[in-house]
Amino acid sequence: MQIIQSIRDKGAAVVIGVIALSLIGFILMDAQQGGGGIFGSFSTTIGKVDGETIELTEFNKKFEEAEDAQYQRTGQRLGGTQIYQTRDQVWNQMVAERLLFKEASKIGITLSSKELNYLLYSEDPVNPLTQEPSLKDSLTGKMDPVKVKKALDNIKKQKGEMREKIQRQLIDPMELNKVVSKYSALLSGGAYYPTWMLDADESNNKSFSNISFVNIPYTEISDSAVKVTDEDVKEYVAKNKELFKQEAGRFISYISFSQKPSLQDSSSVRDALNNLKAAFTVDSNAKVFVTSNQSVIEYKDQYTPQNKLFFVIKDTIGKMPVGSVYGPYIENNNFILAKVLGKKEQPDSVKARHILVKTGEQLDDSAAKKLADSILTAVKSGSSFDSLAAKFSQDESNKNKGGDLGYFSFGTMVPEFNDFCFGNQAGSKDVVKTSFGYHVIEITGTKNPSPAYKIAYLAKEVIASEETINKASLDATRASSMKDRQSLEKLAEKSGLSLTKNSSLVKENDYSVGALQEARSLVRWAFDAGVGDISESFSIGDQFVVAVVDKVVSEGTQDAETAKPGCEVIIRNKKKAEQISKKLGDNPTLEKASSAYNKTILNAGADSTLTFSSTVIPNIGMEQKVVGASFNKEYQNKTSPLIEGTTGVFVLKVNSIQKKPAESPEMRAEIAKQKTSSMRSQNGGWYEALKKQAKIVDKRFDHF
């Protein structure tokens, strides 16, 4: 049962990483928070993928497991935006699984029981059992089939919730990983660059054109001389609807009132430390003084190299006598008094070796300490440190190197390990306990002695006073009582503030608004509000925020106002092209175009670089229409009509179209190989293609 628990814990700790590897290259992590509507506010369904439901209970289980995995990795629970980000990841994972397995099942891609059994005994990184040292052979370090079988037999005996959890945390990620691998391999194997395409591409690349042309840039006509109307934008959008699709959302503006400490708050903290400075200087017990005065920097009975001290004092501290106090100075939003307690020479780097005895399932704390003490006794009695490390150390990264850690600088190791190594001489040996377990440490070398100082810090954080916070809250409450946007704008101006217009569309599952993080409550309000509504005061970070809804956007095609920034330049250039065309008249010659706008007749392609597959015109830029026209043989006998390009209007004449020598068979084979490789590398978009075709209903807004 202990092994099962250990596998579960370690499996949970790697499951998110396994899923990330499985989905890399095809899942975008920008899904948003929320849901709401057709299922009703008490629905147990959180969404649908092509009609297949995603239940709230299943979603919550996966979220809790992801949260537990985070805690096991970092020792910290999810908080703030991490909660919303993790919900996004879980949602994306669940959508991806449903889309992938549905598509894979159509073509018979599965993970068979035989394959699963093989994986569970293998060294494949996707196998979570490889994370459990007790299942490995102590000599080879490889998976021990006998131990694995025993563990799997115990797992198979589990029932109910335990069995389901093992399935979700251990088996499902492996299945997902392998199905993704098979599907991707199938697509990659199907990528083929046929001979006819090679012939066509070679023909395009071998043909090169030599042209003469005149370029009349759009900048010849000022922007102010061309008006783009809403009707122009509507007409353009109607012809290019695919380019102007939009999700439902809100455009909002907001005013924020800072809860940050005021100058008066800062002065109060500085004055408080100044009042303590004299007493701190004469006090004989720095540890007690620092603790009793509630310093935000804990007292540490250690010497710190000069280059590791706070930036403000590291050049000053060496000139100060022992017992003197410097400050108050400000660092990291704290006002600090620094008292010099001692000075000495200390190496800037230490070389050491260790034998790690972990505490946990195999050895409890008492047994681990006893074993470490026995190893230390053996080392002091002359036993080989290298042999003992190879036999007993559980630090796999260096046990076969005699536990050698090489040279490391101050602060590199965990505090207890660091303090022993930098607080003792070369040759010192002892047992030290850290969060990893018990270490048998021997200091084998030191170098570069440099000044180090023992310093006691008395620090007070500069925080906003109750008066400062109350004033910001009162100002925000006053703002929330405004009746419309115009009133809110006037209030902001009178207060010396401004109304921030959020330029991005806020969607119902968002949890941030512009620079405002953890703004989920604000987003939810916006989707219950109408145009012009003023919000209540929201406490977001170190600000009180009051918002107004500027615009409600429905899913579909953008209106003229929204679409205008994305097409205004294109429409304006088209109108400029019409003016240029009107000035030049019908069938203009190169000479006429040159004379009308005082432009030089230019040449391109004489160096054989202007091929059909070119994307740019030398010294002009990306002009694919011009490149295409350069191979129109009709323009060898007459000047082309006006060509509306990206940067301006062009008139050209083809001087010649010639052929380069054919490629050798070896070069053709290399080109085919590179093209095939390129096609395979572009297969990563298959997930987005599946997602685009699917009907995905996201109703998280109803629940979060």
Foldseek 3Di string as FASTA:
>chain_A
DVVLVVLLLLLLLCQVVLLCLLCPLFFDLPDFAAFDDDQDLPHQFFWDWQNHTDGVVNLVVVLVSNQSSVCSVPVDGDDFCSSGSSSSVSVSSVNLVVLLVVVLVVVPQFQDPVNLVVLCQAPPPLQSCLVPQVQADLPPSHGDVVSSVVNVVVLVPDDDPSVVSCCVRGVVSSGSNVSSVVVLVVLLVPQADDPVNLVVVLQQLFKFFKWWKFFDFLVLDPLVVFDDDLVNLVVVCVVVVVVFFDAWFFWKWKFWFFLFADPVLVVVQQVVVVVCQVVCLPDDDLQCVLVVLPFPDHADQAWAFLVPDDPVCSVPVVVDDQSHWDDQDDDPQKGKIKHFHDKDWWFQKFWKFKAFQFDDDVHHQVRSVVVLVVVLVCVVVPDQLLVCLCNGGPPVVCSNVSRTPGMDGQPPDDDQVNRVRGVDDQQDWDWTQDPGGIMTMHTHDGDDIHMITRMRMRIDGRGHDPVSNVVQLVLQQVLLPDQFPVRNQVSQVVVVHGIGTQPDGHDLRHQAGVVFGNNNVVSLVLVVDDAGHKDHWDDTDRITMIMGTHDTGHGGGDRSVNCCVVCVVVSSLVVSQVVLCVQQDPQHANVSSCVSSVTDTDMFRPVVPLGLPDQATPPPGGWNVVSVVSPDVVLQVGKDTWDRTDRGIMIMGTVDMDGHDRDDPVVSVVVSVVVSVVSSVPVSNVSVVSVVPMDMRRRSNSPD
